[in-house]
């Protein structure tokens, strides 16, 4: 089973903090993938829940202009090795 963990990177969450969380999650075998969502500084996108909404256990919808069109945002995906 592949488990994905989404974490937002914005004004209060740094790249370093995400790296530390990612390393612990992988080390403990809790997730297979971590997606770092780099959130734009725009106030309308202040939190990750303004970009993604979980609609059931396996499905998430996203705000298309930010995620798919890449307007002021990007996503880094880290995968657990071996």
PDB file of N, CA and C in Angstrom:
ATOM      1  N   UNK A   1       0.836  -1.181   0.000  1.00  0.00           N
ATOM      2  CA  UNK A   1       0.000   0.000   0.000  1.00  0.00           C
ATOM      3  C   UNK A   1       0.877   1.239   0.000  1.00  0.00           C
ATOM      4  N   UNK A   2       0.562   2.170  -0.902  1.00  0.00           N
ATOM      5  CA  UNK A   2       1.296   3.422  -0.981  1.00  0.00           C
ATOM      6  C   UNK A   2       0.537   4.485  -0.204  1.00  0.00           C
ATOM      7  N   UNK A   3       1.240   5.125   0.711  1.00  0.00           N
ATOM      8  CA  UNK A   3       0.632   6.193   1.497  1.00  0.00           C
ATOM      9  C   UNK A   3       1.344   7.497   1.160  1.00  0.00           C
ATOM     10  N   UNK A   4       0.554   8.519   0.877  1.00  0.00           N
ATOM     11  CA  UNK A   4       1.085   9.837   0.546  1.00  0.00           C
ATOM     12  C   UNK A   4       0.760  10.798   1.682  1.00  0.00           C
ATOM     13  N   UNK A   5       1.756  11.566   2.093  1.00  0.00           N
ATOM     14  CA  UNK A   5       1.597  12.567   3.141  1.00  0.00           C
ATOM     15  C   UNK A   5       1.812  13.934   2.498  1.00  0.00           C
ATOM     16  N   UNK A   6       0.809  14.804   2.558  1.00  0.00           N
ATOM     17  CA  UNK A   6       0.922  16.163   2.027  1.00  0.00           C
ATOM     18  C   UNK A   6       1.302  17.109   3.153  1.00  0.00           C
ATOM     19  N   UNK A   7       2.272  17.988   2.877  1.00  0.00           N
ATOM     20  CA  UNK A   7       2.640  18.992   3.870  1.00  0.00           C
ATOM     21  C   UNK A   7       2.903  20.309   3.145  1.00  0.00           C
ATOM     22  N   UNK A   8       2.321  21.378   3.674  1.00  0.00           N
ATOM     23  CA  UNK A   8       2.459  22.686   3.047  1.00  0.00           C
ATOM     24  C   UNK A   8       3.711  23.409   3.515  1.00  0.00           C
ATOM     25  N   UNK A   9       4.371  24.072   2.580  1.00  0.00           N
ATOM     26  CA  UNK A   9       5.541  24.891   2.890  1.00  0.00           C
ATOM     27  C   UNK A   9       5.160  26.341   2.598  1.00  0.00           C
ATOM     28  N   UNK A  10       5.095  27.135   3.663  1.00  0.00           N
ATOM     29  CA  UNK A  10       4.696  28.534   3.497  1.00  0.00           C
ATOM     30  C   UNK A  10       5.520  29.390   4.443  1.00  0.00           C
ATOM     31  N   UNK A  11       4.952  30.462   4.920  1.00  0.00           N
ATOM     32  CA  UNK A  11       5.692  31.386   5.773  1.00  0.00           C
ATOM     33  C   UNK A  11       6.098  30.777   7.115  1.00  0.00           C
ATOM     34  N   UNK A  12       5.289  29.862   7.657  1.00  0.00           N
ATOM     35  CA  UNK A  12       5.571  29.310   8.979  1.00  0.00           C
ATOM     36  C   UNK A  12       6.207  27.925   8.956  1.00  0.00           C
ATOM     37  N   UNK A  13       6.228  27.269   7.811  1.00  0.00           N
ATOM     38  CA  UNK A  13       6.822  25.933   7.710  1.00  0.00           C
ATOM     39  C   UNK A  13       7.954  25.988   6.703  1.00  0.00           C
ATOM     40  N   UNK A  14       9.158  25.674   7.133  1.00  0.00           N
ATOM     41  CA  UNK A  14      10.336  25.813   6.283  1.00  0.00           C
ATOM     42  C   UNK A  14      10.686  24.507   5.571  1.00  0.00           C
ATOM     43  N   UNK A  15      11.551  24.616   4.565  1.00  0.00           N
ATOM     44  CA  UNK A  15      12.067  23.434   3.874  1.00  0.00           C
ATOM     45  C   UNK A  15      12.750  22.491   4.868  1.00  0.00           C
ATOM     46  N   UNK A  16      13.506  23.076   5.791  1.00  0.00           N
ATOM     47  CA  UNK A  16      14.230  22.257   6.770  1.00  0.00           C
ATOM     48  C   UNK A  16      13.270  21.476   7.672  1.00  0.00           C
ATOM     49  N   UNK A  17      12.212  22.126   8.126  1.00  0.00           N
ATOM     50  CA  UNK A  17      11.225  21.440   8.970  1.00  0.00           C
ATOM     51  C   UNK A  17      10.587  20.277   8.212  1.00  0.00           C
ATOM     52  N   UNK A  18      10.263  20.504   6.953  1.00  0.00           N
ATOM     53  CA  UNK A  18       9.673  19.437   6.139  1.00  0.00           C
ATOM     54  C   UNK A  18      10.665  18.294   5.950  1.00  0.00           C
ATOM     55  N   UNK A  19      11.927  18.615   5.737  1.00  0.00           N
ATOM     56  CA  UNK A  19      12.949  17.567   5.603  1.00  0.00           C
ATOM     57  C   UNK A  19      13.010  16.719   6.867  1.00  0.00           C
ATOM     58  N   UNK A  20      12.972  17.364   8.021  1.00  0.00           N
ATOM     59  CA  UNK A  20      13.033  16.626   9.295  1.00  0.00           C
ATOM     60  C   UNK A  20      11.818  15.714   9.466  1.00  0.00           C
ATOM     61  N   UNK A  21      10.634  16.230   9.171  1.00  0.00           N
ATOM     62  CA  UNK A  21       9.407  15.424   9.286  1.00  0.00           C
ATOM     63  C   UNK A  21       9.472  14.262   8.293  1.00  0.00           C
ATOM     64  N   UNK A  22       9.863  14.539   7.068  1.00  0.00           N
ATOM     65  CA  UNK A  22       9.974  13.518   6.026  1.00  0.00           C
ATOM     66  C   UNK A  22      10.916  12.409   6.460  1.00  0.00           C
ATOM     67  N   UNK A  23      12.077  12.771   6.978  1.00  0.00           N
ATOM     68  CA  UNK A  23      13.063  11.776   7.402  1.00  0.00           C
ATOM     69  C   UNK A  23      12.510  10.862   8.497  1.00  0.00           C
ATOM     70  N   UNK A  24      11.814  11.421   9.469  1.00  0.00           N
ATOM     71  CA  UNK A  24      11.230  10.627  10.557  1.00  0.00           C
ATOM     72  C   UNK A  24      10.128   9.707  10.023  1.00  0.00           C
ATOM     73  N   UNK A  25       9.259  10.240   9.166  1.00  0.00           N
ATOM     74  CA  UNK A  25       8.181   9.423   8.603  1.00  0.00           C
ATOM     75  C   UNK A  25       8.730   8.240   7.806  1.00  0.00           C
ATOM     76  N   UNK A  26       9.766   8.480   7.015  1.00  0.00           N
ATOM     77  CA  UNK A  26      10.378   7.400   6.239  1.00  0.00           C
ATOM     78  C   UNK A  26      11.098   6.406   7.147  1.00  0.00           C
ATOM     79  N   UNK A  27      11.844   6.928   8.117  1.00  0.00           N
ATOM     80  CA  UNK A  27      12.600   6.068   9.039  1.00  0.00           C
ATOM     81  C   UNK A  27      11.679   5.116   9.805  1.00  0.00           C
ATOM     82  N   UNK A  28      10.529   5.613  10.211  1.00  0.00           N
ATOM     83  CA  UNK A  28       9.584   4.790  10.975  1.00  0.00           C
ATOM     84  C   UNK A  28       8.672   3.960  10.079  1.00  0.00           C
ATOM     85  N   UNK A  29       8.798   4.111   8.774  1.00  0.00           N
ATOM     86  CA  UNK A  29       7.990   3.352   7.836  1.00  0.00           C
ATOM     87  C   UNK A  29       6.515   3.725   7.840  1.00  0.00           C
ATOM     88  N   UNK A  30       6.206   4.970   8.187  1.00  0.00           N
ATOM     89  CA  UNK A  30       4.812   5.394   8.295  1.00  0.00           C
ATOM     90  C   UNK A  30       4.189   5.779   6.957  1.00  0.00           C
ATOM     91  N   UNK A  31       5.003   6.253   6.016  1.00  0.00           N
ATOM     92  CA  UNK A  31       4.501   6.651   4.701  1.00  0.00           C
ATOM     93  C   UNK A  31       5.485   6.209   3.621  1.00  0.00           C
ATOM     94  N   UNK A  32       4.991   6.165   2.392  1.00  0.00           N
ATOM     95  CA  UNK A  32       5.830   5.807   1.253  1.00  0.00           C
ATOM     96  C   UNK A  32       6.279   7.042   0.466  1.00  0.00           C
ATOM     97  N   UNK A  33       5.456   8.082   0.523  1.00  0.00           N
ATOM     98  CA  UNK A  33       5.723   9.305  -0.238  1.00  0.00           C
ATOM     99  C   UNK A  33       5.350  10.529   0.592  1.00  0.00           C
ATOM    100  N   UNK A  34       6.129  11.594   0.411  1.00  0.00           N
ATOM    101  CA  UNK A  34       5.806  12.881   1.030  1.00  0.00           C
ATOM    102  C   UNK A  34       5.775  13.909  -0.091  1.00  0.00           C
ATOM    103  N   UNK A  35       4.682  14.665  -0.159  1.00  0.00           N
ATOM    104  CA  UNK A  35       4.566  15.733  -1.148  1.00  0.00           C
ATOM    105  C   UNK A  35       4.639  17.066  -0.430  1.00  0.00           C
ATOM    106  N   UNK A  36       5.654  17.849  -0.778  1.00  0.00           N
ATOM    107  CA  UNK A  36       5.821  19.194  -0.227  1.00  0.00           C
ATOM    108  C   UNK A  36       5.125  20.166  -1.172  1.00  0.00           C
ATOM    109  N   UNK A  37       4.081  20.807  -0.674  1.00  0.00           N
ATOM    110  CA  UNK A  37       3.324  21.766  -1.463  1.00  0.00           C
ATOM    111  C   UNK A  37       3.829  23.161  -1.118  1.00  0.00           C
ATOM    112  N   UNK A  38       4.522  23.793  -2.051  1.00  0.00           N
ATOM    113  CA  UNK A  38       5.035  25.139  -1.822  1.00  0.00           C
ATOM    114  C   UNK A  38       3.904  26.127  -2.090  1.00  0.00           C
ATOM    115  N   UNK A  39       3.407  26.711  -1.008  1.00  0.00           N
ATOM    116  CA  UNK A  39       2.224  27.573  -1.056  1.00  0.00           C
ATOM    117  C   UNK A  39       2.657  29.021  -1.310  1.00  0.00           C
ATOM    118  N   UNK A  40       2.009  29.682  -2.276  1.00  0.00           N
ATOM    119  CA  UNK A  40       2.355  31.077  -2.550  1.00  0.00           C
ATOM    120  C   UNK A  40       2.088  31.992  -1.351  1.00  0.00           C
ATOM    121  N   UNK A  41       2.725  33.134  -1.338  1.00  0.00           N
ATOM    122  CA  UNK A  41       2.574  34.100  -0.247  1.00  0.00           C
ATOM    123  C   UNK A  41       1.226  34.808  -0.260  1.00  0.00           C
ATOM    124  N   UNK A  42       0.447  34.604  -1.283  1.00  0.00           N
ATOM    125  CA  UNK A  42      -0.865  35.242  -1.409  1.00  0.00           C
ATOM    126  C   UNK A  42      -1.785  34.815  -0.262  1.00  0.00           C
ATOM    127  N   UNK A  43      -2.460  35.761   0.342  1.00  0.00           N
ATOM    128  CA  UNK A  43      -3.320  35.483   1.501  1.00  0.00           C
ATOM    129  C   UNK A  43      -4.448  34.498   1.190  1.00  0.00           C
ATOM    130  N   UNK A  44      -4.882  34.412  -0.049  1.00  0.00           N
ATOM    131  CA  UNK A  44      -5.956  33.483  -0.415  1.00  0.00           C
ATOM    132  C   UNK A  44      -5.508  32.030  -0.344  1.00  0.00           C
ATOM    133  N   UNK A  45      -4.207  31.796  -0.246  1.00  0.00           N
ATOM    134  CA  UNK A  45      -3.664  30.434  -0.198  1.00  0.00           C
ATOM    135  C   UNK A  45      -2.865  30.214   1.077  1.00  0.00           C
ATOM    136  N   UNK A  46      -3.342  30.746   2.171  1.00  0.00           N
ATOM    137  CA  UNK A  46      -2.567  30.754   3.409  1.00  0.00           C
ATOM    138  C   UNK A  46      -2.306  29.359   3.973  1.00  0.00           C
ATOM    139  N   UNK A  47      -3.243  28.417   3.790  1.00  0.00           N
ATOM    140  CA  UNK A  47      -3.112  27.085   4.366  1.00  0.00           C
ATOM    141  C   UNK A  47      -3.312  26.030   3.293  1.00  0.00           C
ATOM    142  N   UNK A  48      -2.776  24.851   3.536  1.00  0.00           N
ATOM    143  CA  UNK A  48      -2.888  23.769   2.562  1.00  0.00           C
ATOM    144  C   UNK A  48      -4.344  23.381   2.310  1.00  0.00           C
ATOM    145  N   UNK A  49      -5.205  23.567   3.307  1.00  0.00           N
ATOM    146  CA  UNK A  49      -6.608  23.199   3.103  1.00  0.00           C
ATOM    147  C   UNK A  49      -7.351  24.182   2.200  1.00  0.00           C
ATOM    148  N   UNK A  50      -6.706  25.295   1.816  1.00  0.00           N
ATOM    149  CA  UNK A  50      -7.303  26.165   0.802  1.00  0.00           C
ATOM    150  C   UNK A  50      -6.951  25.682  -0.597  1.00  0.00           C
ATOM    151  N   UNK A  51      -6.007  24.749  -0.702  1.00  0.00           N
ATOM    152  CA  UNK A  51      -5.592  24.198  -1.991  1.00  0.00           C
ATOM    153  C   UNK A  51      -6.090  22.773  -2.212  1.00  0.00           C
ATOM    154  N   UNK A  52      -6.224  22.003  -1.146  1.00  0.00           N
ATOM    155  CA  UNK A  52      -6.626  20.597  -1.238  1.00  0.00           C
ATOM    156  C   UNK A  52      -7.777  20.315  -0.280  1.00  0.00           C
ATOM    157  N   UNK A  53      -8.727  19.500  -0.728  1.00  0.00           N
ATOM    158  CA  UNK A  53      -9.825  19.060   0.125  1.00  0.00           C
ATOM    159  C   UNK A  53      -9.996  17.565  -0.059  1.00  0.00           C
ATOM    160  N   UNK A  54      -9.949  16.823   1.029  1.00  0.00           N
ATOM    161  CA  UNK A  54     -10.151  15.380   0.974  1.00  0.00           C
ATOM    162  C   UNK A  54     -11.653  15.120   0.896  1.00  0.00           C
ATOM    163  N   UNK A  55     -12.091  14.434  -0.171  1.00  0.00           N
ATOM    164  CA  UNK A  55     -13.522  14.200  -0.354  1.00  0.00           C
ATOM    165  C   UNK A  55     -13.946  12.792   0.047  1.00  0.00           C
ATOM    166  N   UNK A  56     -13.014  11.899   0.170  1.00  0.00           N
ATOM    167  CA  UNK A  56     -13.247  10.579   0.759  1.00  0.00           C
ATOM    168  C   UNK A  56     -11.892   9.978   1.094  1.00  0.00           C
ATOM    169  N   UNK A  57     -11.873   8.748   1.523  1.00  0.00           N
ATOM    170  CA  UNK A  57     -10.638   8.138   2.025  1.00  0.00           C
ATOM    171  C   UNK A  57      -9.517   8.086   0.989  1.00  0.00           C
ATOM    172  N   UNK A  58      -9.859   8.011  -0.279  1.00  0.00           N
ATOM    173  CA  UNK A  58      -8.842   7.856  -1.326  1.00  0.00           C
ATOM    174  C   UNK A  58      -8.771   8.997  -2.335  1.00  0.00           C
ATOM    175  N   UNK A  59      -9.601  10.011  -2.186  1.00  0.00           N
ATOM    176  CA  UNK A  59      -9.656  11.059  -3.199  1.00  0.00           C
ATOM    177  C   UNK A  59      -9.518  12.455  -2.602  1.00  0.00           C
ATOM    178  N   UNK A  60      -8.765  13.277  -3.330  1.00  0.00           N
ATOM    179  CA  UNK A  60      -8.533  14.669  -2.936  1.00  0.00           C
ATOM    180  C   UNK A  60      -8.800  15.544  -4.152  1.00  0.00           C
ATOM    181  N   UNK A  61      -9.453  16.663  -3.953  1.00  0.00           N
ATOM    182  CA  UNK A  61      -9.608  17.640  -5.031  1.00  0.00           C
ATOM    183  C   UNK A  61      -8.685  18.815  -4.730  1.00  0.00           C
ATOM    184  N   UNK A  62      -8.256  19.495  -5.785  1.00  0.00           N
ATOM    185  CA  UNK A  62      -7.329  20.600  -5.588  1.00  0.00           C
ATOM    186  C   UNK A  62      -7.792  21.834  -6.354  1.00  0.00           C
ATOM    187  N   UNK A  63      -7.237  22.953  -5.961  1.00  0.00           N
ATOM    188  CA  UNK A  63      -7.507  24.235  -6.604  1.00  0.00           C
ATOM    189  C   UNK A  63      -6.644  24.317  -7.855  1.00  0.00           C
ATOM    190  N   UNK A  64      -7.252  24.128  -9.013  1.00  0.00           N
ATOM    191  CA  UNK A  64      -6.540  23.977 -10.281  1.00  0.00           C
ATOM    192  C   UNK A  64      -5.545  25.093 -10.616  1.00  0.00           C
ATOM    193  N   UNK A  65      -5.885  26.383 -10.495  1.00  0.00           N
ATOM    194  CA  UNK A  65      -4.918  27.409 -10.903  1.00  0.00           C
ATOM    195  C   UNK A  65      -3.578  27.326 -10.167  1.00  0.00           C
ATOM    196  N   UNK A  66      -3.604  26.924  -8.930  1.00  0.00           N
ATOM    197  CA  UNK A  66      -2.363  26.855  -8.161  1.00  0.00           C
ATOM    198  C   UNK A  66      -1.620  25.556  -8.433  1.00  0.00           C
ATOM    199  N   UNK A  67      -2.328  24.446  -8.414  1.00  0.00           N
ATOM    200  CA  UNK A  67      -1.680  23.146  -8.479  1.00  0.00           C
ATOM    201  C   UNK A  67      -1.340  22.724  -9.911  1.00  0.00           C
ATOM    202  N   UNK A  68      -2.323  22.688 -10.795  1.00  0.00           N
ATOM    203  CA  UNK A  68      -2.070  22.202 -12.143  1.00  0.00           C
ATOM    204  C   UNK A  68      -1.459  23.257 -13.055  1.00  0.00           C
ATOM    205  N   UNK A  69      -1.891  24.491 -12.927  1.00  0.00           N
ATOM    206  CA  UNK A  69      -1.365  25.547 -13.782  1.00  0.00           C
ATOM    207  C   UNK A  69      -0.063  26.130 -13.230  1.00  0.00           C
ATOM    208  N   UNK A  70       0.274  25.799 -11.991  1.00  0.00           N
ATOM    209  CA  UNK A  70       1.526  26.227 -11.397  1.00  0.00           C
ATOM    210  C   UNK A  70       1.627  27.710 -11.093  1.00  0.00           C
ATOM    211  N   UNK A  71       0.513  28.367 -10.880  1.00  0.00           N
ATOM    212  CA  UNK A  71       0.529  29.797 -10.584  1.00  0.00           C
ATOM    213  C   UNK A  71       1.148  30.013  -9.203  1.00  0.00           C
ATOM    214  N   UNK A  72       2.374  30.487  -9.162  1.00  0.00           N
ATOM    215  CA  UNK A  72       3.084  30.824  -7.921  1.00  0.00           C
ATOM    216  C   UNK A  72       3.282  29.640  -6.972  1.00  0.00           C
ATOM    217  N   UNK A  73       3.240  28.432  -7.465  1.00  0.00           N
ATOM    218  CA  UNK A  73       3.361  27.279  -6.577  1.00  0.00           C
ATOM    219  C   UNK A  73       4.049  26.138  -7.311  1.00  0.00           C
ATOM    220  N   UNK A  74       4.577  25.218  -6.554  1.00  0.00           N
ATOM    221  CA  UNK A  74       5.077  23.974  -7.125  1.00  0.00           C
ATOM    222  C   UNK A  74       5.036  22.897  -6.063  1.00  0.00           C
ATOM    223  N   UNK A  75       5.194  21.687  -6.508  1.00  0.00           N
ATOM    224  CA  UNK A  75       5.104  20.522  -5.613  1.00  0.00           C
ATOM    225  C   UNK A  75       6.362  19.692  -5.777  1.00  0.00           C
ATOM    226  N   UNK A  76       6.970  19.302  -4.646  1.00  0.00           N
ATOM    227  CA  UNK A  76       8.115  18.388  -4.645  1.00  0.00           C
ATOM    228  C   UNK A  76       7.643  17.090  -4.027  1.00  0.00           C
ATOM    229  N   UNK A  77       7.884  15.977  -4.699  1.00  0.00           N
ATOM    230  CA  UNK A  77       7.492  14.679  -4.168  1.00  0.00           C
ATOM    231  C   UNK A  77       8.747  13.900  -3.798  1.00  0.00           C
ATOM    232  N   UNK A  78       8.772  13.388  -2.570  1.00  0.00           N
ATOM    233  CA  UNK A  78       9.878  12.576  -2.072  1.00  0.00           C
ATOM    234  C   UNK A  78       9.375  11.157  -1.913  1.00  0.00           C
ATOM    235  N   UNK A  79      10.137  10.189  -2.391  1.00  0.00           N
ATOM    236  CA  UNK A  79       9.748   8.791  -2.279  1.00  0.00           C
ATOM    237  C   UNK A  79      10.751   8.053  -1.410  1.00  0.00           C
ATOM    238  N   UNK A  80      10.221   7.164  -0.576  1.00  0.00           N
ATOM    239  CA  UNK A  80      11.086   6.359   0.293  1.00  0.00           C
ATOM    240  C   UNK A  80      11.851   5.367  -0.576  1.00  0.00           C
ATOM    241  N   UNK A  81      13.135   5.304  -0.371  1.00  0.00           N
ATOM    242  CA  UNK A  81      13.973   4.360  -1.120  1.00  0.00           C
ATOM    243  C   UNK A  81      13.998   3.013  -0.386  1.00  0.00           C
ATOM    244  N   UNK A  82      13.952   1.988  -1.156  1.00  0.00           N
ATOM    245  CA  UNK A  82      14.068   0.603  -0.652  1.00  0.00           C
ATOM    246  C   UNK A  82      13.141   0.367   0.493  1.00  0.00           C
TER     247      UNK A  82
END
